[in-house]
Amino acid sequence: MTLEPAITYTIRPDGDLLHAHIWGRETDKPPSHVCRIILQECRRHGLKRILIELNQKRPLSAASQYLLVERLPALGLTHEHRIALVHHTPGLHEANEMIDLVARNRSINVRTFRDVRSATEWLRSPAP
């Protein structure tokens, strides 16, 4: 049995969104186990829009970002879901560009943002 890396998080419904805060990741292993839990909570609450605020010391490597996004459909992500990631650590938004690239190439609705306001506006905007 493989132990999952220690990560601290909170998840709660917030109106029409599921709102998660994640901090404490110290490895480069993609936190797929947390993504699975978030998507389970979405199903439990009947929500499709997810706001995730991140406070990490370092970004995931490009390879780990790729793996994280690539695994999302197997964890329960559908074309109806939208996930907005807000990186609060300076410099991490730019360091996570692979997430946006892979998501766009796979037609997965995951985007990174610099602030909660922009992320929330995107989450609540009509689907294209």
N, C-alpha and C. Protein backbone atom coordinates (compact mmCIF):
# COMPACT_ATOMS: atom_id res chain seq x y z
N MET A 1 0.84 -1.18 0.00
CA MET A 1 0.00 0.00 0.00
C MET A 1 0.88 1.24 0.00
N THR A 2 0.59 2.19 -0.88
CA THR A 2 1.35 3.42 -0.99
C THR A 2 0.69 4.49 -0.13
N LEU A 3 1.46 5.12 0.70
CA LEU A 3 0.94 6.21 1.52
C LEU A 3 0.81 7.46 0.67
N GLU A 4 -0.29 8.17 0.85
CA GLU A 4 -0.50 9.43 0.15
C GLU A 4 0.29 10.52 0.87
N PRO A 5 0.80 11.50 0.13
CA PRO A 5 1.55 12.58 0.78
C PRO A 5 0.64 13.39 1.70
N ALA A 6 1.22 13.90 2.77
CA ALA A 6 0.47 14.70 3.74
C ALA A 6 0.09 16.04 3.12
N ILE A 7 -1.19 16.29 3.09
CA ILE A 7 -1.74 17.55 2.58
C ILE A 7 -2.89 17.91 3.50
N THR A 8 -3.00 19.18 3.83
CA THR A 8 -4.10 19.65 4.65
C THR A 8 -5.10 20.36 3.74
N TYR A 9 -6.38 20.13 3.98
CA TYR A 9 -7.39 20.77 3.14
C TYR A 9 -8.70 20.92 3.90
N THR A 10 -9.49 21.86 3.41
CA THR A 10 -10.88 22.00 3.84
C THR A 10 -11.73 22.03 2.59
N ILE A 11 -12.94 21.49 2.69
CA ILE A 11 -13.87 21.47 1.56
C ILE A 11 -15.25 21.79 2.12
N ARG A 12 -15.92 22.75 1.49
CA ARG A 12 -17.27 23.08 1.95
C ARG A 12 -18.09 23.65 0.80
N PRO A 13 -19.39 23.39 0.78
CA PRO A 13 -20.24 24.03 -0.21
C PRO A 13 -20.36 25.51 0.12
N ASP A 14 -20.39 26.34 -0.89
CA ASP A 14 -20.51 27.79 -0.73
C ASP A 14 -21.46 28.28 -1.81
N GLY A 15 -22.75 28.22 -1.53
CA GLY A 15 -23.76 28.58 -2.53
C GLY A 15 -23.73 27.60 -3.68
N ASP A 16 -23.47 28.10 -4.89
CA ASP A 16 -23.45 27.25 -6.07
C ASP A 16 -22.06 26.68 -6.38
N LEU A 17 -21.11 26.87 -5.46
CA LEU A 17 -19.74 26.39 -5.65
C LEU A 17 -19.35 25.42 -4.55
N LEU A 18 -18.39 24.57 -4.85
CA LEU A 18 -17.71 23.82 -3.82
C LEU A 18 -16.38 24.55 -3.62
N HIS A 19 -16.08 24.93 -2.39
CA HIS A 19 -14.90 25.75 -2.10
C HIS A 19 -13.91 24.92 -1.29
N ALA A 20 -12.69 24.79 -1.82
CA ALA A 20 -11.65 24.02 -1.15
C ALA A 20 -10.43 24.90 -0.92
N HIS A 21 -9.78 24.70 0.21
CA HIS A 21 -8.48 25.30 0.51
C HIS A 21 -7.50 24.14 0.69
N ILE A 22 -6.34 24.25 0.05
CA ILE A 22 -5.35 23.18 0.15
C ILE A 22 -4.00 23.80 0.48
N TRP A 23 -3.31 23.21 1.47
CA TRP A 23 -1.98 23.67 1.82
C TRP A 23 -1.17 22.51 2.40
N GLY A 24 0.13 22.68 2.46
CA GLY A 24 0.97 21.70 3.12
C GLY A 24 1.61 20.65 2.23
N ARG A 25 1.41 20.70 0.92
CA ARG A 25 2.05 19.71 0.05
C ARG A 25 3.54 19.99 0.00
N GLU A 26 4.34 18.97 0.28
CA GLU A 26 5.79 19.15 0.29
C GLU A 26 6.51 18.26 -0.70
N THR A 27 5.75 17.47 -1.46
CA THR A 27 6.38 16.60 -2.45
C THR A 27 5.92 17.02 -3.84
N ASP A 28 6.51 16.39 -4.85
CA ASP A 28 6.11 16.65 -6.22
C ASP A 28 5.05 15.66 -6.71
N LYS A 29 4.59 14.80 -5.83
CA LYS A 29 3.57 13.83 -6.23
C LYS A 29 2.23 14.53 -6.42
N PRO A 30 1.59 14.35 -7.57
CA PRO A 30 0.29 15.00 -7.80
C PRO A 30 -0.72 14.59 -6.72
N PRO A 31 -1.45 15.54 -6.16
CA PRO A 31 -2.40 15.23 -5.09
C PRO A 31 -3.73 14.69 -5.62
N SER A 32 -3.66 13.63 -6.41
CA SER A 32 -4.86 13.04 -7.01
C SER A 32 -5.86 12.58 -5.96
N HIS A 33 -5.37 12.11 -4.82
CA HIS A 33 -6.28 11.64 -3.77
C HIS A 33 -7.16 12.78 -3.25
N VAL A 34 -6.63 13.99 -3.19
CA VAL A 34 -7.43 15.14 -2.76
C VAL A 34 -8.44 15.50 -3.86
N CYS A 35 -8.01 15.43 -5.12
CA CYS A 35 -8.94 15.69 -6.23
C CYS A 35 -10.10 14.71 -6.21
N ARG A 36 -9.83 13.44 -5.93
CA ARG A 36 -10.88 12.44 -5.86
C ARG A 36 -11.89 12.81 -4.75
N ILE A 37 -11.39 13.22 -3.60
CA ILE A 37 -12.27 13.61 -2.48
C ILE A 37 -13.10 14.83 -2.85
N ILE A 38 -12.49 15.81 -3.50
CA ILE A 38 -13.22 17.01 -3.92
C ILE A 38 -14.34 16.65 -4.89
N LEU A 39 -14.05 15.79 -5.85
CA LEU A 39 -15.08 15.39 -6.81
C LEU A 39 -16.18 14.56 -6.15
N GLN A 40 -15.84 13.76 -5.15
CA GLN A 40 -16.86 13.03 -4.40
C GLN A 40 -17.78 14.00 -3.66
N GLU A 41 -17.19 15.05 -3.09
CA GLU A 41 -18.00 16.06 -2.39
C GLU A 41 -18.90 16.81 -3.38
N CYS A 42 -18.42 17.04 -4.58
CA CYS A 42 -19.26 17.67 -5.61
C CYS A 42 -20.50 16.83 -5.87
N ARG A 43 -20.30 15.53 -6.05
CA ARG A 43 -21.44 14.64 -6.28
C ARG A 43 -22.39 14.65 -5.09
N ARG A 44 -21.82 14.59 -3.90
CA ARG A 44 -22.65 14.55 -2.68
C ARG A 44 -23.52 15.80 -2.55
N HIS A 45 -23.00 16.95 -2.95
CA HIS A 45 -23.73 18.22 -2.81
C HIS A 45 -24.42 18.65 -4.10
N GLY A 46 -24.25 17.89 -5.18
CA GLY A 46 -24.88 18.24 -6.45
C GLY A 46 -24.30 19.48 -7.09
N LEU A 47 -23.00 19.72 -6.90
CA LEU A 47 -22.35 20.92 -7.44
C LEU A 47 -21.40 20.56 -8.58
N LYS A 48 -21.23 21.48 -9.53
CA LYS A 48 -20.34 21.25 -10.67
C LYS A 48 -19.23 22.29 -10.78
N ARG A 49 -19.32 23.35 -9.99
CA ARG A 49 -18.32 24.43 -10.02
C ARG A 49 -17.45 24.33 -8.77
N ILE A 50 -16.13 24.33 -8.97
CA ILE A 50 -15.20 24.10 -7.87
C ILE A 50 -14.15 25.21 -7.83
N LEU A 51 -14.06 25.87 -6.69
CA LEU A 51 -13.03 26.88 -6.44
C LEU A 51 -12.02 26.28 -5.48
N ILE A 52 -10.76 26.21 -5.92
CA ILE A 52 -9.70 25.65 -5.08
C ILE A 52 -8.65 26.72 -4.86
N GLU A 53 -8.46 27.10 -3.59
CA GLU A 53 -7.41 28.05 -3.23
C GLU A 53 -6.22 27.27 -2.70
N LEU A 54 -5.05 27.57 -3.26
CA LEU A 54 -3.83 26.84 -2.95
C LEU A 54 -2.81 27.74 -2.26
N ASN A 55 -2.23 27.24 -1.21
CA ASN A 55 -1.11 27.90 -0.53
C ASN A 55 0.01 26.87 -0.42
N GLN A 56 0.85 26.82 -1.42
CA GLN A 56 1.93 25.85 -1.48
C GLN A 56 3.27 26.56 -1.49
N LYS A 57 4.30 25.89 -1.01
CA LYS A 57 5.64 26.49 -0.99
C LYS A 57 6.30 26.43 -2.34
N ARG A 58 5.95 25.39 -3.13
CA ARG A 58 6.57 25.24 -4.44
C ARG A 58 5.55 24.66 -5.41
N PRO A 59 5.72 24.91 -6.70
CA PRO A 59 4.79 24.36 -7.67
C PRO A 59 5.07 22.88 -7.93
N LEU A 60 4.10 22.21 -8.49
CA LEU A 60 4.34 20.88 -9.01
C LEU A 60 5.20 21.02 -10.26
N SER A 61 6.00 20.02 -10.55
CA SER A 61 6.78 20.03 -11.79
C SER A 61 5.81 19.96 -12.97
N ALA A 62 6.29 20.29 -14.14
CA ALA A 62 5.45 20.22 -15.34
C ALA A 62 4.93 18.80 -15.54
N ALA A 63 5.76 17.80 -15.30
CA ALA A 63 5.33 16.41 -15.46
C ALA A 63 4.21 16.06 -14.47
N SER A 64 4.32 16.52 -13.24
CA SER A 64 3.28 16.25 -12.24
C SER A 64 2.00 17.01 -12.55
N GLN A 65 2.12 18.22 -13.07
CA GLN A 65 0.93 18.97 -13.48
C GLN A 65 0.21 18.22 -14.60
N TYR A 66 0.98 17.71 -15.56
CA TYR A 66 0.42 16.94 -16.66
C TYR A 66 -0.35 15.72 -16.12
N LEU A 67 0.30 14.96 -15.25
CA LEU A 67 -0.34 13.76 -14.68
C LEU A 67 -1.60 14.09 -13.90
N LEU A 68 -1.57 15.17 -13.14
CA LEU A 68 -2.72 15.57 -12.34
C LEU A 68 -3.94 15.83 -13.23
N VAL A 69 -3.76 16.65 -14.26
CA VAL A 69 -4.88 16.98 -15.15
C VAL A 69 -5.32 15.76 -15.94
N GLU A 70 -4.37 14.99 -16.41
CA GLU A 70 -4.66 13.79 -17.20
C GLU A 70 -5.52 12.79 -16.43
N ARG A 71 -5.35 12.71 -15.12
CA ARG A 71 -6.09 11.75 -14.28
C ARG A 71 -7.49 12.22 -13.89
N LEU A 72 -7.79 13.49 -14.02
CA LEU A 72 -9.06 14.02 -13.52
C LEU A 72 -10.30 13.29 -14.05
N PRO A 73 -10.41 13.00 -15.34
CA PRO A 73 -11.61 12.27 -15.79
C PRO A 73 -11.76 10.90 -15.12
N ALA A 74 -10.68 10.20 -14.87
CA ALA A 74 -10.76 8.90 -14.20
C ALA A 74 -11.20 9.05 -12.74
N LEU A 75 -10.99 10.24 -12.17
CA LEU A 75 -11.38 10.50 -10.78
C LEU A 75 -12.83 10.98 -10.66
N GLY A 76 -13.49 11.22 -11.80
CA GLY A 76 -14.89 11.62 -11.77
C GLY A 76 -15.20 12.95 -12.42
N LEU A 77 -14.20 13.65 -12.95
CA LEU A 77 -14.44 14.93 -13.61
C LEU A 77 -15.17 14.69 -14.93
N THR A 78 -16.23 15.47 -15.18
CA THR A 78 -16.98 15.39 -16.44
C THR A 78 -16.88 16.72 -17.17
N HIS A 79 -17.41 16.76 -18.39
CA HIS A 79 -17.42 18.00 -19.16
C HIS A 79 -18.29 19.08 -18.51
N GLU A 80 -19.16 18.69 -17.58
CA GLU A 80 -20.02 19.66 -16.89
C GLU A 80 -19.31 20.37 -15.74
N HIS A 81 -18.22 19.82 -15.26
CA HIS A 81 -17.48 20.43 -14.15
C HIS A 81 -16.60 21.58 -14.63
N ARG A 82 -16.38 22.50 -13.72
CA ARG A 82 -15.39 23.57 -13.91
C ARG A 82 -14.59 23.66 -12.63
N ILE A 83 -13.27 23.71 -12.78
CA ILE A 83 -12.39 23.86 -11.62
C ILE A 83 -11.52 25.09 -11.84
N ALA A 84 -11.57 26.01 -10.88
CA ALA A 84 -10.72 27.20 -10.89
C ALA A 84 -9.71 27.07 -9.76
N LEU A 85 -8.43 27.15 -10.11
CA LEU A 85 -7.34 27.07 -9.14
C LEU A 85 -6.78 28.47 -8.91
N VAL A 86 -6.72 28.89 -7.67
CA VAL A 86 -6.15 30.20 -7.32
C VAL A 86 -4.89 29.95 -6.50
N HIS A 87 -3.76 30.38 -7.03
CA HIS A 87 -2.48 30.20 -6.35
C HIS A 87 -2.16 31.47 -5.57
N HIS A 88 -2.12 31.37 -4.26
CA HIS A 88 -1.85 32.54 -3.42
C HIS A 88 -0.36 32.78 -3.19
N THR A 89 0.48 31.81 -3.46
CA THR A 89 1.92 31.98 -3.27
C THR A 89 2.49 32.73 -4.47
N PRO A 90 3.20 33.85 -4.23
CA PRO A 90 3.77 34.61 -5.35
C PRO A 90 4.61 33.72 -6.26
N GLY A 91 4.38 33.88 -7.57
CA GLY A 91 5.15 33.15 -8.56
C GLY A 91 4.58 31.80 -8.95
N LEU A 92 3.68 31.27 -8.16
CA LEU A 92 3.17 29.93 -8.48
C LEU A 92 2.15 29.92 -9.60
N HIS A 93 1.45 31.01 -9.81
CA HIS A 93 0.51 31.04 -10.95
C HIS A 93 1.27 30.81 -12.25
N GLU A 94 2.36 31.52 -12.44
CA GLU A 94 3.16 31.39 -13.66
C GLU A 94 3.80 30.00 -13.76
N ALA A 95 4.15 29.44 -12.63
CA ALA A 95 4.84 28.14 -12.61
C ALA A 95 3.88 26.97 -12.87
N ASN A 96 2.59 27.24 -12.97
CA ASN A 96 1.62 26.17 -13.19
C ASN A 96 0.94 26.26 -14.55
N GLU A 97 1.63 26.81 -15.52
CA GLU A 97 1.04 26.98 -16.85
C GLU A 97 0.72 25.65 -17.54
N MET A 98 1.42 24.59 -17.17
CA MET A 98 1.17 23.28 -17.79
C MET A 98 -0.26 22.82 -17.51
N ILE A 99 -0.80 23.18 -16.35
CA ILE A 99 -2.18 22.80 -16.02
C ILE A 99 -3.15 23.36 -17.06
N ASP A 100 -3.03 24.64 -17.35
CA ASP A 100 -3.91 25.26 -18.34
C ASP A 100 -3.71 24.66 -19.73
N LEU A 101 -2.48 24.42 -20.11
CA LEU A 101 -2.17 23.86 -21.42
C LEU A 101 -2.77 22.46 -21.59
N VAL A 102 -2.53 21.58 -20.63
CA VAL A 102 -3.05 20.21 -20.72
C VAL A 102 -4.57 20.22 -20.68
N ALA A 103 -5.15 21.02 -19.80
CA ALA A 103 -6.61 21.08 -19.71
C ALA A 103 -7.21 21.56 -21.03
N ARG A 104 -6.63 22.59 -21.60
CA ARG A 104 -7.13 23.11 -22.88
C ARG A 104 -7.02 22.04 -23.97
N ASN A 105 -5.88 21.34 -24.04
CA ASN A 105 -5.67 20.31 -25.05
C ASN A 105 -6.61 19.11 -24.88
N ARG A 106 -7.07 18.86 -23.67
CA ARG A 106 -7.96 17.72 -23.38
C ARG A 106 -9.43 18.14 -23.28
N SER A 107 -9.70 19.43 -23.54
CA SER A 107 -11.06 19.98 -23.40
C SER A 107 -11.62 19.75 -22.01
N ILE A 108 -10.75 19.94 -21.00
CA ILE A 108 -11.14 19.82 -19.60
C ILE A 108 -11.26 21.23 -19.03
N ASN A 109 -12.33 21.51 -18.31
CA ASN A 109 -12.59 22.85 -17.79
C ASN A 109 -11.85 23.09 -16.48
N VAL A 110 -10.54 23.24 -16.57
CA VAL A 110 -9.69 23.57 -15.43
C VAL A 110 -8.84 24.76 -15.85
N ARG A 111 -8.82 25.79 -15.00
CA ARG A 111 -8.03 26.99 -15.29
C ARG A 111 -7.36 27.49 -14.01
N THR A 112 -6.21 28.13 -14.16
CA THR A 112 -5.53 28.74 -13.02
C THR A 112 -5.77 30.25 -13.07
N PHE A 113 -5.85 30.85 -11.87
CA PHE A 113 -6.13 32.28 -11.75
C PHE A 113 -5.23 32.90 -10.69
N ARG A 114 -5.08 34.22 -10.79
CA ARG A 114 -4.27 34.97 -9.83
C ARG A 114 -5.07 35.40 -8.60
N ASP A 115 -6.42 35.47 -8.75
CA ASP A 115 -7.24 35.95 -7.63
C ASP A 115 -8.60 35.27 -7.62
N VAL A 116 -9.23 35.29 -6.46
CA VAL A 116 -10.51 34.62 -6.27
C VAL A 116 -11.61 35.28 -7.10
N ARG A 117 -11.59 36.60 -7.21
CA ARG A 117 -12.63 37.30 -7.97
C ARG A 117 -12.66 36.82 -9.42
N SER A 118 -11.51 36.78 -10.08
CA SER A 118 -11.45 36.33 -11.48
C SER A 118 -11.88 34.87 -11.60
N ALA A 119 -11.44 34.06 -10.66
CA ALA A 119 -11.79 32.64 -10.68
C ALA A 119 -13.30 32.45 -10.53
N THR A 120 -13.90 33.18 -9.60
CA THR A 120 -15.33 33.06 -9.35
C THR A 120 -16.13 33.55 -10.55
N GLU A 121 -15.69 34.62 -11.19
CA GLU A 121 -16.39 35.12 -12.38
C GLU A 121 -16.37 34.07 -13.47
N TRP A 122 -15.23 33.42 -13.69
CA TRP A 122 -15.14 32.37 -14.71
C TRP A 122 -16.04 31.19 -14.35
N LEU A 123 -16.01 30.79 -13.09
CA LEU A 123 -16.83 29.65 -12.67
C LEU A 123 -18.31 29.91 -12.90
N ARG A 124 -18.75 31.13 -12.67
CA ARG A 124 -20.17 31.46 -12.75
C ARG A 124 -20.59 31.95 -14.13
N SER A 125 -19.66 32.12 -15.05
CA SER A 125 -20.02 32.57 -16.40
C SER A 125 -20.69 31.42 -17.15
N PRO A 126 -21.52 31.76 -18.13
CA PRO A 126 -22.19 30.70 -18.90
C PRO A 126 -21.15 29.84 -19.63
N ALA A 127 -21.41 28.57 -19.71
CA ALA A 127 -20.50 27.66 -20.42
C ALA A 127 -20.52 28.00 -21.90
N PRO A 128 -19.36 27.93 -22.56
CA PRO A 128 -19.32 28.27 -24.01
C PRO A 128 -20.08 27.28 -24.85
